[in-house]
Protein backbone atom coordinates (compact mmCIF):
# COMPACT_ATOMS: atom_id res chain seq x y z
CA MET A 1 147.14 99.65 97.44
CA PRO A 2 144.46 97.21 96.20
CA ARG A 3 143.20 96.97 99.77
CA LYS A 4 142.72 100.77 99.94
CA ARG A 5 140.92 100.77 96.61
CA LEU A 6 138.66 97.98 97.81
CA ALA A 7 137.87 99.87 101.03
CA ALA A 8 137.12 103.04 99.06
CA ALA A 9 134.83 101.10 96.72
CA VAL A 10 132.98 99.59 99.69
CA ARG A 11 132.53 103.04 101.28
CA SER A 12 131.25 104.54 98.04
CA SER A 13 128.81 101.66 97.54
CA GLN A 14 127.53 102.07 101.10
CA ALA A 15 127.08 105.81 100.58
CA LEU A 16 125.20 105.15 97.35
CA ARG A 17 122.98 102.62 99.08
CA ARG A 18 122.19 105.09 101.89
CA ARG A 19 121.39 107.79 99.34
CA CYS A 20 119.07 105.46 97.41
CA ARG A 21 117.39 104.44 100.66
CA ARG A 22 116.78 108.09 101.62
CA LEU A 23 115.46 108.81 98.13
CA TRP A 24 113.14 105.80 98.29
CA ALA A 25 111.87 106.81 101.73
CA SER A 26 111.29 110.47 100.80
CA HIS A 27 109.70 109.92 97.39
CA GLY A 28 105.91 109.76 97.46
CA ALA A 29 105.55 106.93 94.96
CA GLY A 30 108.17 104.92 96.81
CA ARG A 31 106.29 105.31 100.10
CA TRP A 32 103.04 104.22 98.47
CA LEU A 33 104.61 101.18 96.84
CA ARG A 34 106.41 100.20 100.02
CA ALA A 35 103.22 100.54 102.06
CA ILE A 36 101.22 98.41 99.61
CA ILE A 37 103.91 95.71 99.55
CA ARG A 38 103.95 95.77 103.35
CA GLU A 39 100.18 95.31 103.45
CA ALA A 40 100.22 92.42 101.01
CA THR A 41 102.91 90.57 102.98
CA GLU A 42 102.40 91.43 106.66
CA GLU A 43 98.60 91.43 106.70
CA GLN A 44 98.26 88.26 104.60
CA LEU A 45 95.85 89.74 102.10
CA ASP A 46 96.70 86.82 99.84
CA LEU A 47 95.21 84.41 102.40
CA ARG A 48 92.06 86.50 102.65
CA ALA A 49 91.82 86.48 98.86
CA MET A 50 92.11 82.67 98.88
CA SER A 51 89.35 82.45 101.48
CA LEU A 52 87.09 84.65 99.38
CA VAL A 53 87.73 82.44 96.34
CA TYR A 54 86.16 79.42 98.04
CA THR A 55 83.30 81.54 99.35
CA THR A 56 82.70 82.82 95.82
CA LEU A 57 82.65 79.29 94.41
CA LEU A 58 79.95 78.31 96.91
CA SER A 59 77.78 81.40 96.49
CA LEU A 60 78.27 82.39 92.84
CA VAL A 61 75.40 80.33 91.41
CA PRO A 62 72.95 81.24 94.25
CA LEU A 63 73.86 84.92 93.86
CA LEU A 64 73.31 84.80 90.11
CA ALA A 65 70.08 82.85 90.62
CA VAL A 66 68.66 85.54 92.90
CA SER A 67 69.80 88.30 90.56
CA PHE A 68 68.49 86.41 87.52
CA SER A 69 65.04 85.95 89.07
CA VAL A 70 64.84 89.65 89.92
CA LEU A 71 66.07 90.71 86.48
CA LYS A 72 63.65 88.31 84.81
CA SER A 73 60.70 89.98 86.50
CA PHE A 74 61.81 93.26 84.91
CA GLY A 75 62.50 91.67 81.52
CA ILE A 76 66.21 92.50 81.46
CA HIS A 77 67.65 89.09 82.34
CA ASN A 78 69.28 88.80 78.91
CA GLN A 79 71.90 91.32 80.06
CA LEU A 80 73.40 88.79 82.48
CA GLN A 81 75.21 86.67 79.88
CA PRO A 82 77.16 89.59 78.28
CA PHE A 83 78.14 90.69 81.78
CA LEU A 84 79.56 87.26 82.66
CA SER A 85 81.25 87.01 79.27
CA GLU A 86 83.10 90.25 79.95
CA LEU A 87 83.95 89.11 83.48
CA PHE A 88 85.46 85.82 82.28
CA LYS A 89 86.99 87.26 79.11
CA PRO A 90 90.59 86.80 80.41
CA LEU A 91 89.98 83.03 80.46
CA GLY A 92 89.94 83.02 76.66
CA PRO A 93 87.73 80.51 74.81
CA GLN A 94 87.21 78.60 78.05
CA GLY A 95 85.60 81.72 79.53
CA GLY A 96 82.73 81.42 77.05
CA GLU A 97 82.27 77.76 77.97
CA LEU A 98 82.24 78.63 81.67
CA THR A 99 79.70 81.41 81.08
CA SER A 100 77.39 79.00 79.23
CA ARG A 101 77.62 76.44 82.05
CA ILE A 102 76.85 79.01 84.76
CA ILE A 103 73.93 80.44 82.79
CA GLY A 104 72.66 76.88 82.31
CA PHE A 105 72.81 76.23 86.06
CA VAL A 106 71.01 79.50 86.80
CA GLU A 107 68.28 78.97 84.21
CA ASN A 108 67.64 75.41 85.39
CA MET A 109 67.32 76.52 89.01
CA ASN A 110 63.62 76.83 89.79
CA VAL A 111 63.26 78.94 92.89
CA GLY A 112 59.57 78.06 93.15
CA VAL A 113 60.21 74.39 93.91
CA LEU A 114 62.87 75.03 96.56
CA GLY A 115 60.38 75.73 99.31
CA SER A 116 60.76 78.19 102.15
CA LEU A 117 63.79 76.40 103.60
CA GLY A 118 65.52 76.24 100.22
CA VAL A 119 64.94 79.94 99.55
CA ALA A 120 66.21 80.76 103.04
CA MET A 121 69.38 78.74 102.41
CA LEU A 122 69.76 80.49 99.05
CA PHE A 123 69.72 83.93 100.65
CA TYR A 124 71.89 82.71 103.54
CA THR A 125 74.60 81.60 101.10
CA VAL A 126 74.54 84.97 99.36
CA GLY A 127 74.53 86.84 102.68
CA SER A 128 77.46 84.82 104.02
CA MET A 129 79.55 85.84 101.03
CA LEU A 130 78.76 89.53 101.57
CA GLU A 131 79.41 89.15 105.30
CA LYS A 132 82.82 87.58 104.71
CA THR A 133 83.70 90.29 102.19
CA GLU A 134 82.65 92.94 104.69
CA ALA A 135 84.87 91.33 107.34
CA ALA A 136 87.86 91.55 104.99
CA PHE A 137 87.25 95.25 104.35
CA ASN A 138 86.61 95.93 108.04
CA HIS A 139 90.03 94.45 108.71
CA ILE A 140 91.58 96.71 106.08
CA TRP A 141 89.81 99.80 107.45
CA HIS A 142 90.43 98.93 111.14
CA ALA A 143 86.69 98.85 111.84
CA LYS A 144 86.22 97.18 115.21
CA SER A 145 82.69 95.88 114.67
CA SER A 146 80.55 94.68 111.79
CA ARG A 147 76.99 95.66 110.93
CA GLY A 148 74.17 94.62 113.20
CA ILE A 149 71.81 91.87 112.09
CA ALA A 150 68.97 94.25 111.18
CA ARG A 151 71.20 96.63 109.24
CA ARG A 152 73.04 93.75 107.61
CA PHE A 153 69.75 92.26 106.43
CA SER A 154 68.47 95.53 104.94
CA ASP A 155 71.78 96.55 103.35
CA TYR A 156 72.58 93.17 101.84
CA LEU A 157 69.03 92.67 100.60
CA SER A 158 69.00 96.06 98.90
CA VAL A 159 72.30 95.31 97.15
CA VAL A 160 71.24 91.85 95.98
CA LEU A 161 67.74 92.83 94.83
CA VAL A 162 67.94 96.49 93.80
CA GLY A 163 71.58 96.70 92.68
CA PRO A 164 71.37 94.39 89.63
CA VAL A 165 68.14 96.05 88.48
CA LEU A 166 69.68 99.53 88.53
CA VAL A 167 72.95 98.45 86.88
CA PHE A 168 71.46 96.40 84.07
CA SER A 169 68.63 98.88 83.53
CA ALA A 170 71.21 101.62 83.02
CA ILE A 171 73.12 99.42 80.57
CA GLY A 172 69.91 98.63 78.69
CA ILE A 173 68.89 102.29 78.51
CA MET A 174 72.31 103.27 77.18
CA ALA A 175 72.11 100.54 74.52
CA SER A 176 68.58 101.62 73.51
CA MET A 177 69.61 105.25 73.25
CA ALA A 178 72.61 104.33 71.09
CA ALA A 179 70.37 102.30 68.76
CA SER A 180 67.75 105.05 68.32
CA GLN A 181 67.39 106.89 65.01
CA THR A 182 68.34 110.23 66.57
CA ALA A 183 71.55 108.78 67.96
CA GLN A 184 72.37 107.10 64.66
CA SER A 185 71.91 110.37 62.75
CA LEU A 186 74.22 112.13 65.21
CA LEU A 187 76.80 109.37 64.97
CA ASN A 188 77.00 109.84 61.22
CA ARG A 189 78.57 113.23 61.86
CA GLU A 190 82.31 113.21 62.27
CA LEU A 191 82.46 114.98 65.64
CA PHE A 192 79.82 112.88 67.36
CA GLY A 193 81.15 109.70 65.78
CA GLY A 194 84.60 110.33 67.24
CA VAL A 195 83.13 111.08 70.66
CA TYR A 196 81.08 107.88 70.49
CA LEU A 197 84.14 105.81 69.67
CA LEU A 198 86.01 107.42 72.56
CA LEU A 199 83.14 106.70 74.93
CA GLY A 200 83.07 103.11 73.70
CA VAL A 201 86.68 102.74 74.82
CA VAL A 202 86.34 104.65 78.11
CA ALA A 203 82.93 103.34 79.22
CA PRO A 204 84.07 99.79 80.24
CA TYR A 205 86.84 101.24 82.39
CA ALA A 206 84.46 103.79 83.90
CA LEU A 207 81.93 101.08 84.80
CA ILE A 208 84.61 98.96 86.48
CA VAL A 209 85.94 101.95 88.42
CA ALA A 210 82.39 102.86 89.47
CA ALA A 211 81.75 99.28 90.65
CA PHE A 212 84.94 99.16 92.73
CA THR A 213 84.24 102.63 94.14
CA PHE A 214 80.80 101.46 95.27
CA ILE A 215 82.34 98.40 96.93
CA TYR A 216 84.80 100.55 98.90
CA LEU A 217 82.05 102.98 99.91
CA PHE A 218 79.46 100.40 100.89
CA LEU A 219 81.13 97.34 102.40
CA PRO A 220 83.39 98.73 105.19
CA ASN A 221 81.41 99.39 108.37
CA THR A 222 82.94 102.84 108.74
CA ARG A 223 82.81 106.18 106.98
CA VAL A 224 84.80 106.20 103.74
CA ALA A 225 85.43 109.47 101.94
CA PHE A 226 84.20 109.44 98.35
CA ARG A 227 87.50 110.82 97.07
CA SER A 228 89.43 108.02 98.77
CA ALA A 229 87.01 105.37 97.50
CA LEU A 230 87.30 106.79 93.99
CA THR A 231 91.10 106.74 94.22
CA GLY A 232 91.10 103.11 95.30
CA GLY A 233 88.48 102.26 92.67
CA ALA A 234 90.49 103.89 89.89
CA CYS A 235 93.71 102.12 90.90
CA ALA A 236 92.00 98.75 91.32
CA GLY A 237 89.98 99.13 88.11
CA LEU A 238 93.00 99.93 85.97
CA ALA A 239 95.03 97.18 87.67
CA TRP A 240 92.20 94.69 87.13
CA LYS A 241 91.97 95.49 83.41
CA ALA A 242 95.75 95.25 83.02
CA LEU A 243 95.73 92.00 84.97
CA GLY A 244 92.98 90.67 82.70
CA TRP A 245 95.07 91.39 79.63
CA GLY A 246 98.12 89.70 81.16
CA PHE A 247 96.09 86.70 82.33
CA ALA A 248 94.57 86.31 78.85
CA GLU A 249 98.08 86.19 77.39
CA PHE A 250 99.03 83.61 80.01
CA VAL A 251 96.00 81.44 79.19
CA ALA A 252 96.70 81.68 75.46
CA GLY A 253 100.23 80.38 75.98
CA SER A 254 99.45 77.73 78.60
CA ALA A 255 98.38 74.79 76.47
CA ASN A 256 100.14 72.52 78.97
CA TYR A 257 97.29 73.04 81.44
CA ASP A 258 94.90 71.22 79.12
CA ALA A 259 97.36 68.35 78.82
CA VAL A 260 97.86 68.06 82.59
CA TYR A 261 94.40 68.83 83.96
CA SER A 262 92.29 67.80 80.96
CA SER A 263 88.67 68.86 81.57
CA LEU A 264 89.59 70.34 84.97
CA ALA A 265 91.80 73.00 83.36
CA ILE A 266 88.90 75.44 83.13
CA ALA A 267 88.23 75.06 86.88
CA VAL A 268 91.91 75.63 87.73
CA LEU A 269 92.13 78.74 85.56
CA PHE A 270 88.84 80.02 86.93
CA MET A 271 90.07 79.72 90.53
CA MET A 272 93.34 81.43 89.63
CA TRP A 273 91.45 84.31 88.02
CA LEU A 274 89.13 84.64 91.03
CA TYR A 275 92.11 84.72 93.38
CA LEU A 276 93.91 87.44 91.41
CA SER A 277 90.70 89.46 91.11
CA TRP A 278 90.04 89.36 94.85
CA LEU A 279 93.66 90.25 95.58
CA VAL A 280 93.39 93.33 93.35
CA ILE A 281 90.09 94.32 95.00
CA LEU A 282 91.57 94.03 98.51
CA LEU A 283 94.70 95.96 97.56
CA GLY A 284 92.49 98.65 96.03
CA GLY A 285 90.67 98.90 99.35
CA ARG A 286 94.00 99.36 101.06
CA VAL A 287 94.92 102.15 98.62
CA ALA A 288 91.65 103.87 99.54
CA PHE A 289 92.52 103.53 103.24
CA LEU A 290 96.01 104.95 102.77
CA HIS A 291 94.57 107.85 100.78
CA GLN A 292 92.15 108.66 103.59
CA TYR A 293 94.75 108.17 106.34
CA PRO A 294 98.08 109.21 104.74
CA ALA A 295 99.85 109.14 108.12
CA TYR A 296 100.13 105.35 107.73
CA LEU A 297 102.51 105.85 104.80
CA ALA A 298 105.23 106.95 107.22
CA PHE A 299 104.82 104.00 109.60
CA GLU A 300 107.15 101.03 109.36
CA ARG A 301 104.48 98.66 110.64
CA ARG A 302 100.86 98.36 109.63
CA ARG A 303 99.49 98.56 113.18
CA PRO A 304 101.85 100.92 115.00
CA THR A 305 101.53 101.34 118.75
CA LEU A 306 102.04 104.41 120.91
CA GLY A 307 104.21 104.57 124.01
CA ASN A 308 102.87 105.82 127.33
CA ARG A 309 104.10 109.39 126.83
CA GLN A 310 102.78 109.45 123.28
CA LYS A 311 99.38 108.29 124.53
CA GLU A 312 99.29 111.02 127.18
CA TRP A 313 100.27 113.70 124.67
CA ALA A 314 97.82 112.46 122.04
CA GLY A 315 94.94 112.16 124.51
CA LEU A 316 95.48 115.66 125.92
CA ALA A 317 95.99 117.15 122.44
CA MET A 318 92.75 115.62 121.14
CA MET A 319 90.85 116.74 124.24
CA LEU A 320 92.10 120.32 123.89
CA LEU A 321 91.33 120.42 120.16
CA ILE A 322 87.79 119.14 120.74
CA ALA A 323 87.26 121.55 123.63
CA GLU A 324 88.57 124.52 121.63
CA ARG A 325 86.19 123.94 118.73
CA PHE A 326 83.29 123.45 121.10
CA ALA A 327 84.07 126.68 122.96
CA ARG A 328 84.19 128.59 119.66
CA GLY A 329 80.97 127.05 118.37
CA GLN A 330 82.68 125.41 115.40
CA ARG A 331 82.06 122.07 113.75
CA PRO A 332 83.16 119.17 116.00
CA TRP A 333 86.28 117.18 115.27
CA THR A 334 85.92 113.77 113.65
CA LEU A 335 88.17 110.76 114.17
CA GLU A 336 89.46 111.03 110.62
CA ALA A 337 90.28 114.74 110.96
CA LEU A 338 92.05 114.21 114.29
CA CYS A 339 94.19 111.39 112.86
CA GLN A 340 95.19 113.52 109.88
CA HIS A 341 95.85 116.63 111.96
CA LEU A 342 97.94 114.88 114.63
CA ARG A 343 99.34 112.17 112.30
CA LEU A 344 98.09 109.39 114.54
CA PRO A 345 97.24 105.80 113.64
CA VAL A 346 93.49 105.37 113.61
CA ASP A 347 93.57 102.35 115.95
CA ALA A 348 95.44 104.20 118.69
CA ALA A 349 93.39 107.39 118.29
CA ARG A 350 90.08 105.51 118.45
CA GLU A 351 91.19 103.63 121.57
CA LEU A 352 92.20 106.85 123.35
CA LEU A 353 88.94 108.55 122.43
CA ARG A 354 86.99 105.55 123.72
CA GLU A 355 88.78 105.82 127.05
CA LEU A 356 87.87 109.50 127.27
CA VAL A 357 84.26 108.62 126.43
CA ARG A 358 84.23 105.82 129.01
CA HIS A 359 85.42 108.23 131.72
CA GLY A 360 82.69 110.71 130.86
CA LEU A 361 84.94 113.38 129.37
CA LEU A 362 83.79 113.10 125.74
CA PHE A 363 80.61 112.23 123.90
CA CYS A 364 80.62 110.45 120.53
CA MET A 365 77.93 111.66 118.14
CA ASP A 366 76.13 108.94 116.21
CA ASN A 367 76.31 110.73 112.85
CA GLY A 368 78.32 108.18 110.87
CA GLU A 369 81.54 110.22 111.13
CA GLU A 370 82.59 109.53 114.76
CA SER A 371 82.40 113.19 115.77
CA TYR A 372 83.25 114.09 119.37
CA LEU A 373 82.01 116.76 121.80
CA PRO A 374 82.88 117.48 125.45
CA ALA A 375 80.57 115.62 127.84
CA LYS A 376 81.22 117.94 130.80
CA ASP A 377 81.49 121.62 131.48
CA LEU A 378 84.97 122.65 130.33
CA ALA A 379 85.38 124.77 133.46
CA ALA A 380 85.03 121.59 135.55
CA VAL A 381 87.60 119.52 133.61
CA SER A 382 91.34 119.83 134.16
CA PRO A 383 94.28 118.22 132.32
CA ARG A 384 94.62 115.98 135.37
CA ASP A 385 91.28 114.35 134.56
CA VAL A 386 92.47 113.64 131.02
CA TYR A 387 95.76 112.16 132.22
CA GLN A 388 94.04 109.92 134.73
CA ALA A 389 91.64 108.67 132.06
CA ILE A 390 94.54 107.84 129.73
CA ARG A 391 96.84 106.34 132.36
CA GLY A 392 94.23 104.12 133.98
CA GLU A 393 94.71 102.64 137.42
CA ALA A 394 97.65 103.65 139.57
CA ALA A 395 100.54 101.29 140.20
CA ALA A 396 100.02 98.80 143.04
CA SER A 397 102.04 96.14 144.78
CA HIS A 398 99.45 93.48 143.81
CA GLY A 399 99.40 92.19 147.39
CA ILE A 400 103.11 91.27 147.42
CA GLN A 401 104.42 91.63 150.97
CA ASP A 402 107.96 92.70 150.15
CA ALA A 403 109.68 95.91 151.26
CA PRO A 404 111.31 96.75 147.87
CA VAL A 405 108.02 96.14 146.06
CA GLU A 406 106.07 98.32 148.49
CA LEU A 407 108.75 101.01 148.17
CA ALA A 408 108.46 100.93 144.38
CA SER A 409 104.68 101.35 144.61
CA ARG A 410 105.05 104.25 147.05
CA LEU A 411 107.64 106.03 144.88
CA CYS A 412 105.49 105.63 141.76
CA GLY A 413 102.51 107.01 143.64
CA GLN A 414 104.48 110.02 144.88
CA ALA A 415 105.84 110.77 141.41
CA GLU A 416 102.39 110.48 139.87
CA ALA A 417 100.81 112.68 142.54
CA ALA A 418 103.47 115.35 142.07
CA GLY A 419 102.97 115.34 138.31
CA LEU A 420 99.18 115.41 138.48
CA GLU A 421 99.20 118.24 141.02
CA ALA A 422 100.77 120.55 138.44
CA LEU A 423 98.01 119.69 135.95
CA GLU A 424 95.23 120.58 138.36
CA GLN A 425 95.93 124.30 138.50
CA ARG A 426 93.75 125.39 135.55
CA SER A 427 90.74 123.99 133.74
CA LEU A 428 90.52 123.29 130.03
CA LEU A 429 88.37 126.40 129.56
CA GLN A 430 91.00 128.58 131.22
CA LEU A 431 93.74 127.06 129.06
CA ILE A 432 91.73 127.68 125.88
CA GLU A 433 90.91 131.27 126.83
CA ALA A 434 94.57 131.89 127.66
CA GLY A 435 95.61 130.54 124.27
CA GLY A 436 97.43 127.53 125.71
CA GLY A 437 99.78 129.63 127.76
């Protein structure tokens, strides 16, 4: 009797576990959380965050020196210290000390005495940090190549020189407007005073979300939808603020660090905060990617692969979709739209499209969206051409003089010829006009 009860309890627990697993897999939030955990573990985002910490330590002072010199020419360099104070606020009282030290380094750095080589090294250090950050986001977004040298130079230079001026000018204008007599008279009224207090609470979060959104839009060398970048920026911004509050509580209760590390405690805490910040930024980029390509939520692995039959189906399906829109004079398909429509991983879809382009069946438009058009007359292209482009070279015996091996090659060739013969009957244009029948 006890044995039967034990068996029944085991069966009920297994059924409950299967039900919870199905619920976890089907629930949207569960899929998102599982995908993010998978990214953080399988793709080693923590190691990339550690790498960016050391890059930041090397390039932080040069970056601030360049920004400080630009801001000083516009007379708004005093805004830099409040910005750093807010950035290092989770470090507690030691954050103020660190801010003062960094500002001291920056103010004592005289760019004029560095010479041409020193200035070049200064910009190289800043550019290497941006390049390494771009590489991390290209990895997250499956971008195969980085920016060219000319584009990298212009983009990075505009961010380093123009970006701080625009940001701190906007902050200064907002502060000046709030201090004006007109604004003060409006703030004395109850309605406007309440709105001002609300904006004072919301504005820091909005600025952080805007900064992260810009990072996700600008750094990856691929097209990022604004809605996806905003989603990732909102998640990362809120997570970063919550993490800052938790880290501040940790610093306040970690007096042992001062006893163990003495004067190095501030450096240890600073590196820990940089690491956590970069990890949140990278995970926010992954959230933006998953929002733009939701098909990845259903995959068990981050970089899923397609089998041979799946490749043939996907290649022919994409070719027919592109040909149909072209024949109807509609807007061409983009890589992103094809992946969402067919629920394909972006890596596999891009590779198949590149094969079709390489064989002269498709043409990729250089419009920043990876749009595709037929490269040949649709009446002259058959499904056989698509299959041959996807399959590649036919099977061969590789020069092995062996009867079974030669027989295997001959049988594979006969089977492939018989299958391709059936695909040669009608062109893509005829299939589209017939409605796929």
